[in-house]
C-alpha atoms as a PDB file:
ATOM      1  CA  MET A   1     122.128 141.579 111.157  1.00  0.00           C
ATOM      2  CA  SER A   2     123.169 139.267 107.952  1.00  0.00           C
ATOM      3  CA  GLN A   3     120.938 137.947 105.234  1.00  0.00           C
ATOM      4  CA  SER A   4     121.693 134.552 103.939  1.00  0.00           C
ATOM      5  CA  TRP A   5     121.442 134.271 100.282  1.00  0.00           C
ATOM      6  CA  GLU A   6     121.913 130.438  99.951  1.00  0.00           C
ATOM      7  CA  PRO A   7     118.998 128.289  98.796  1.00  0.00           C
ATOM      8  CA  LEU A   8     116.061 127.331 101.354  1.00  0.00           C
ATOM      9  CA  PRO A   9     116.925 123.932 103.481  1.00  0.00           C
ATOM     10  CA  SER A  10     114.750 121.384 102.982  1.00  0.00           C
ATOM     11  CA  ILE A  11     113.335 121.653 106.537  1.00  0.00           C
ATOM     12  CA  TYR A  12     112.173 125.147 106.282  1.00  0.00           C
ATOM     13  CA  ARG A  13     108.552 124.512 104.880  1.00  0.00           C
ATOM     14  CA  SER A  14     106.595 127.123 106.769  1.00  0.00           C
ATOM     15  CA  LYS A  15     107.470 130.640 108.517  1.00  0.00           C
ATOM     16  CA  GLN A  16     106.784 128.217 112.067  1.00  0.00           C
ATOM     17  CA  GLU A  17     109.250 125.650 111.345  1.00  0.00           C
ATOM     18  CA  PHE A  18     111.931 128.234 110.110  1.00  0.00           C
ATOM     19  CA  LEU A  19     111.227 130.089 113.714  1.00  0.00           C
ATOM     20  CA  ALA A  20     111.574 126.817 115.539  1.00  0.00           C
ATOM     21  CA  SER A  21     114.931 126.001 113.803  1.00  0.00           C
ATOM     22  CA  LEU A  22     116.196 129.551 115.467  1.00  0.00           C
ATOM     23  CA  PRO A  23     118.067 129.796 118.960  1.00  0.00           C
ATOM     24  CA  PRO A  24     115.401 131.148 121.543  1.00  0.00           C
ATOM     25  CA  TRP A  25     117.092 134.903 121.418  1.00  0.00           C
ATOM     26  CA  ARG A  26     116.851 134.908 117.372  1.00  0.00           C
ATOM     27  CA  ARG A  27     113.468 133.358 117.489  1.00  0.00           C
ATOM     28  CA  LEU A  28     112.182 136.299 119.633  1.00  0.00           C
ATOM     29  CA  LEU A  29     114.133 138.701 117.241  1.00  0.00           C
ATOM     30  CA  GLN A  30     112.807 137.411 114.289  1.00  0.00           C
ATOM     31  CA  LYS A  31     109.094 137.244 115.257  1.00  0.00           C
ATOM     32  CA  LEU A  32     109.571 140.936 115.785  1.00  0.00           C
ATOM     33  CA  ASN A  33     111.340 141.541 112.878  1.00  0.00           C
ATOM     34  CA  TRP A  34     109.713 139.055 110.343  1.00  0.00           C
ATOM     35  CA  HIS A  35     110.761 140.097 106.437  1.00  0.00           C
ATOM     36  CA  PRO A  36     107.859 138.867 103.641  1.00  0.00           C
ATOM     37  CA  THR A  37     111.042 137.688 102.031  1.00  0.00           C
ATOM     38  CA  ILE A  38     111.110 134.615 104.218  1.00  0.00           C
ATOM     39  CA  ASP A  39     107.612 134.076 103.176  1.00  0.00           C
ATOM     40  CA  LYS A  40     108.423 134.299  99.509  1.00  0.00           C
ATOM     41  CA  LYS A  41     111.682 131.852 100.146  1.00  0.00           C
ATOM     42  CA  VAL A  42     109.249 129.437 101.427  1.00  0.00           C
ATOM     43  CA  GLN A  43     106.714 129.585  98.780  1.00  0.00           C
ATOM     44  CA  ARG A  44     109.418 129.499  96.194  1.00  0.00           C
ATOM     45  CA  TYR A  45     110.659 126.227  98.046  1.00  0.00           C
ATOM     46  CA  ALA A  46     107.311 124.681  97.800  1.00  0.00           C
ATOM     47  CA  MET A  47     106.860 125.883  94.291  1.00  0.00           C
ATOM     48  CA  GLU A  48     109.934 124.080  93.613  1.00  0.00           C
ATOM     49  CA  GLN A  49     109.180 120.571  95.108  1.00  0.00           C
ATOM     50  CA  ASN A  50     105.908 120.707  93.309  1.00  0.00           C
ATOM     51  CA  ILE A  51     107.823 121.270  89.878  1.00  0.00           C
ATOM     52  CA  GLU A  52     109.832 118.496  91.070  1.00  0.00           C
ATOM     53  CA  GLN A  53     106.996 116.209  91.659  1.00  0.00           C
ATOM     54  CA  LEU A  54     105.371 116.832  88.399  1.00  0.00           C
ATOM     55  CA  LYS A  55     108.439 116.284  86.450  1.00  0.00           C
ATOM     56  CA  ASN A  56     108.672 112.900  88.242  1.00  0.00           C
ATOM     57  CA  GLU A  57     105.151 112.078  87.439  1.00  0.00           C
ATOM     58  CA  ASN A  58     105.497 113.110  83.793  1.00  0.00           C
ATOM     59  CA  ALA A  59     108.395 110.732  83.285  1.00  0.00           C
ATOM     60  CA  ARG A  60     106.689 108.057  85.218  1.00  0.00           C
ATOM     61  CA  LEU A  61     103.395 108.817  82.682  1.00  0.00           C
ATOM     62  CA  GLU A  62     105.868 108.852  79.605  1.00  0.00           C
ATOM     63  CA  ALA A  63     107.321 105.517  80.405  1.00  0.00           C
ATOM     64  CA  ILE A  64     103.803 104.050  81.015  1.00  0.00           C
ATOM     65  CA  GLU A  65     102.569 105.507  77.810  1.00  0.00           C
ATOM     66  CA  SER A  66     105.880 104.103  75.921  1.00  0.00           C
ATOM     67  CA  ARG A  67     105.313 100.880  77.386  1.00  0.00           C
ATOM     68  CA  LEU A  68     101.458 100.866  76.314  1.00  0.00           C
ATOM     69  CA  ALA A  69     102.156 102.281  72.522  1.00  0.00           C
ATOM     70  CA  LEU A  70     104.684  98.914  72.435  1.00  0.00           C
ATOM     71  CA  PHE A  71     102.036  96.399  73.421  1.00  0.00           C
ATOM     72  CA  GLU A  72      99.471  98.046  70.807  1.00  0.00           C
ATOM     73  CA  ARG A  73     102.182  97.612  68.448  1.00  0.00           C
ATOM     74  CA  GLU A  74     102.792  94.037  69.299  1.00  0.00           C
ATOM     75  CA  HIS A  75      99.244  93.467  69.661  1.00  0.00           C
ATOM     76  CA  SER A  76      98.167  94.927  66.365  1.00  0.00           C
ATOM     77  CA  CYS A  77     100.829  92.972  64.455  1.00  0.00           C
ATOM     78  CA  GLY A  78      99.902  89.702  66.017  1.00  0.00           C
ATOM     79  CA  LEU A  79     103.479  88.955  67.354  1.00  0.00           C
ATOM     80  CA  THR A  80     101.986  87.843  71.024  1.00  0.00           C
ATOM     81  CA  PRO A  81      99.099  85.549  71.518  1.00  0.00           C
ATOM     82  CA  HIS A  82      96.160  86.721  73.380  1.00  0.00           C
ATOM     83  CA  PRO A  83      96.453  85.765  77.039  1.00  0.00           C
ATOM     84  CA  SER A  84      93.916  83.315  77.962  1.00  0.00           C
ATOM     85  CA  THR A  85      91.430  83.890  80.234  1.00  0.00           C
ATOM     86  CA  GLY A  86      90.496  80.889  81.425  1.00  0.00           C
ATOM     87  CA  ASP A  87      87.170  80.859  79.806  1.00  0.00           C
ATOM     88  CA  SER A  88      86.253  78.189  77.643  1.00  0.00           C
ATOM     89  CA  SER A  89      83.041  79.418  76.013  1.00  0.00           C
ATOM     90  CA  SER A  90      84.655  81.696  73.605  1.00  0.00           C
ATOM     91  CA  LEU A  91      86.318  78.450  71.723  1.00  0.00           C
END
C-alpha cells in the first residue's frame, strides 16, 4: 500500500468525503485501516482554507480602511463639499 505525499485535494474536506472518493474495495480496506494522518491532512487543509479566507478578509478590510482614511483627509481639508441631505431646515 503506497502513501501519497501530495497536497490534499480541495474535495477532501472530511473522512466521509475521502472514503466516498475511493473505489468500493479500497473504501472497505480504508475503513478497516484508517490512519489518523488522513484526519490530520483534512484538518490541515481546513486550517489552510481558513487562513486563506482570513487573508482575503484582511485585504478587503485594509482597502476599506484606506478609502476611509482618504475620505477623512479630504473631509478635514475641505476638498469635497458636504453632500446635500435634502433637508432645508439646516440652512
